[in-house]
Amino acid sequence: MVFYVHFGVYIGVNVMLVLIWWFTGGYKGEFPWFVFPLGGWGIGVLGHYLSVFAHSGVTDRMAEQEYRKLKEEQEQH
């Protein structure tokens, strides 16, 4: 849930930055300065995504291994 809030705020703020750039002369060929916060924060969002969703698969496998180990120990006693 927290990731989705983070991602939503990222999208909203960066859309606002692009609009600020556009309405302050960006369409006239001004340097697209918004790419710096978009890229930097994007790296943070990507890291947050990986820590939430990619890590959960590893955690599930570790929990399954521990469950099997405990089940085998219980059957031996």
C-alpha atoms as a PDB file:
ATOM      1  CA  MET A   1       0.000   0.000   0.000  1.00  0.00           C
ATOM      2  CA  VAL A   2       2.760   2.448   0.910  1.00  0.00           C
ATOM      3  CA  PHE A   3       4.476   1.832  -2.429  1.00  0.00           C
ATOM      4  CA  TYR A   4       1.335   2.860  -4.315  1.00  0.00           C
ATOM      5  CA  VAL A   5       1.139   6.111  -2.344  1.00  0.00           C
ATOM      6  CA  HIS A   6       4.816   6.781  -3.088  1.00  0.00           C
ATOM      7  CA  PHE A   7       4.308   6.046  -6.789  1.00  0.00           C
ATOM      8  CA  GLY A   8       1.175   8.217  -6.974  1.00  0.00           C
ATOM      9  CA  VAL A   9       2.933  11.175  -5.370  1.00  0.00           C
ATOM     10  CA  TYR A  10       5.882  10.662  -7.747  1.00  0.00           C
ATOM     11  CA  ILE A  11       3.574  10.791 -10.767  1.00  0.00           C
ATOM     12  CA  GLY A  12       1.613  13.802  -9.483  1.00  0.00           C
ATOM     13  CA  VAL A  13       4.629  15.892  -8.545  1.00  0.00           C
ATOM     14  CA  ASN A  14       6.486  15.116 -11.758  1.00  0.00           C
ATOM     15  CA  VAL A  15       3.466  15.950 -13.915  1.00  0.00           C
ATOM     16  CA  MET A  16       3.302  19.262 -12.062  1.00  0.00           C
ATOM     17  CA  LEU A  17       7.022  19.888 -12.694  1.00  0.00           C
ATOM     18  CA  VAL A  18       6.620  19.184 -16.410  1.00  0.00           C
ATOM     19  CA  LEU A  19       3.661  21.570 -16.552  1.00  0.00           C
ATOM     20  CA  ILE A  20       5.654  24.268 -14.753  1.00  0.00           C
ATOM     21  CA  TRP A  21       8.469  23.794 -17.254  1.00  0.00           C
ATOM     22  CA  TRP A  22       6.029  23.934 -20.170  1.00  0.00           C
ATOM     23  CA  PHE A  23       4.157  27.049 -19.029  1.00  0.00           C
ATOM     24  CA  THR A  24       7.357  28.930 -18.176  1.00  0.00           C
ATOM     25  CA  GLY A  25       8.698  28.625 -21.699  1.00  0.00           C
ATOM     26  CA  GLY A  26       9.660  24.994 -22.066  1.00  0.00           C
ATOM     27  CA  TYR A  27       7.928  24.713 -25.391  1.00  0.00           C
ATOM     28  CA  LYS A  28      10.284  27.425 -26.737  1.00  0.00           C
ATOM     29  CA  GLY A  29      13.257  25.117 -26.451  1.00  0.00           C
ATOM     30  CA  GLU A  30      14.221  25.691 -22.814  1.00  0.00           C
ATOM     31  CA  PHE A  31      16.331  22.982 -21.204  1.00  0.00           C
ATOM     32  CA  PRO A  32      14.070  20.266 -19.722  1.00  0.00           C
ATOM     33  CA  TRP A  33      15.327  20.648 -16.154  1.00  0.00           C
ATOM     34  CA  PHE A  34      12.518  18.432 -14.826  1.00  0.00           C
ATOM     35  CA  VAL A  35      14.467  15.341 -15.958  1.00  0.00           C
ATOM     36  CA  PHE A  36      16.783  15.620 -12.936  1.00  0.00           C
ATOM     37  CA  PRO A  37      14.139  15.222 -10.196  1.00  0.00           C
ATOM     38  CA  LEU A  38      12.206  12.796 -12.408  1.00  0.00           C
ATOM     39  CA  GLY A  39      15.259  10.555 -12.865  1.00  0.00           C
ATOM     40  CA  GLY A  40      16.623  10.820  -9.334  1.00  0.00           C
ATOM     41  CA  TRP A  41      13.314  10.202  -7.652  1.00  0.00           C
ATOM     42  CA  GLY A  42      12.571   7.494 -10.236  1.00  0.00           C
ATOM     43  CA  ILE A  43      15.600   5.568  -9.014  1.00  0.00           C
ATOM     44  CA  GLY A  44      14.170   5.769  -5.499  1.00  0.00           C
ATOM     45  CA  VAL A  45      10.753   4.566  -6.679  1.00  0.00           C
ATOM     46  CA  LEU A  46      12.390   1.676  -8.532  1.00  0.00           C
ATOM     47  CA  GLY A  47      14.307   0.703  -5.392  1.00  0.00           C
ATOM     48  CA  HIS A  48      11.105   0.872  -3.354  1.00  0.00           C
ATOM     49  CA  TYR A  49       9.318  -1.316  -5.932  1.00  0.00           C
ATOM     50  CA  LEU A  50      12.091  -3.905  -5.884  1.00  0.00           C
ATOM     51  CA  SER A  51      12.206  -3.994  -2.093  1.00  0.00           C
ATOM     52  CA  VAL A  52       8.455  -4.553  -1.885  1.00  0.00           C
ATOM     53  CA  PHE A  53       7.697  -6.879  -4.796  1.00  0.00           C
ATOM     54  CA  ALA A  54      10.941  -8.591  -5.826  1.00  0.00           C
ATOM     55  CA  HIS A  55      11.971  -9.262  -2.220  1.00  0.00           C
ATOM     56  CA  SER A  56       8.628 -10.876  -1.363  1.00  0.00           C
ATOM     57  CA  GLY A  57       9.390 -13.854  -3.627  1.00  0.00           C
ATOM     58  CA  VAL A  58      12.648 -14.496  -1.793  1.00  0.00           C
ATOM     59  CA  THR A  59      10.898 -14.208   1.567  1.00  0.00           C
ATOM     60  CA  ASP A  60       8.189 -16.654   0.485  1.00  0.00           C
ATOM     61  CA  ARG A  61      10.776 -19.219  -0.606  1.00  0.00           C
ATOM     62  CA  MET A  62      12.701 -18.858   2.650  1.00  0.00           C
ATOM     63  CA  ALA A  63       9.492 -19.283   4.674  1.00  0.00           C
ATOM     64  CA  GLU A  64       8.578 -22.379   2.656  1.00  0.00           C
ATOM     65  CA  GLN A  65      12.027 -23.909   3.278  1.00  0.00           C
ATOM     66  CA  GLU A  66      11.762 -23.212   6.999  1.00  0.00           C
ATOM     67  CA  TYR A  67       8.268 -24.728   7.099  1.00  0.00           C
ATOM     68  CA  ARG A  68       9.480 -27.912   5.410  1.00  0.00           C
ATOM     69  CA  LYS A  69      12.455 -28.128   7.752  1.00  0.00           C
ATOM     70  CA  LEU A  70      10.253 -27.787  10.841  1.00  0.00           C
ATOM     71  CA  LYS A  71       7.759 -30.286   9.460  1.00  0.00           C
ATOM     72  CA  GLU A  72      10.544 -32.853   8.896  1.00  0.00           C
ATOM     73  CA  GLU A  73      11.844 -32.316  12.438  1.00  0.00           C
ATOM     74  CA  GLN A  74       8.370 -32.775  13.863  1.00  0.00           C
ATOM     75  CA  GLU A  75       7.839 -36.020  11.932  1.00  0.00           C
ATOM     76  CA  GLN A  76      11.121 -37.401  13.281  1.00  0.00           C
ATOM     77  CA  HIS A  77      10.001 -36.933  16.887  1.00  0.00           C
END
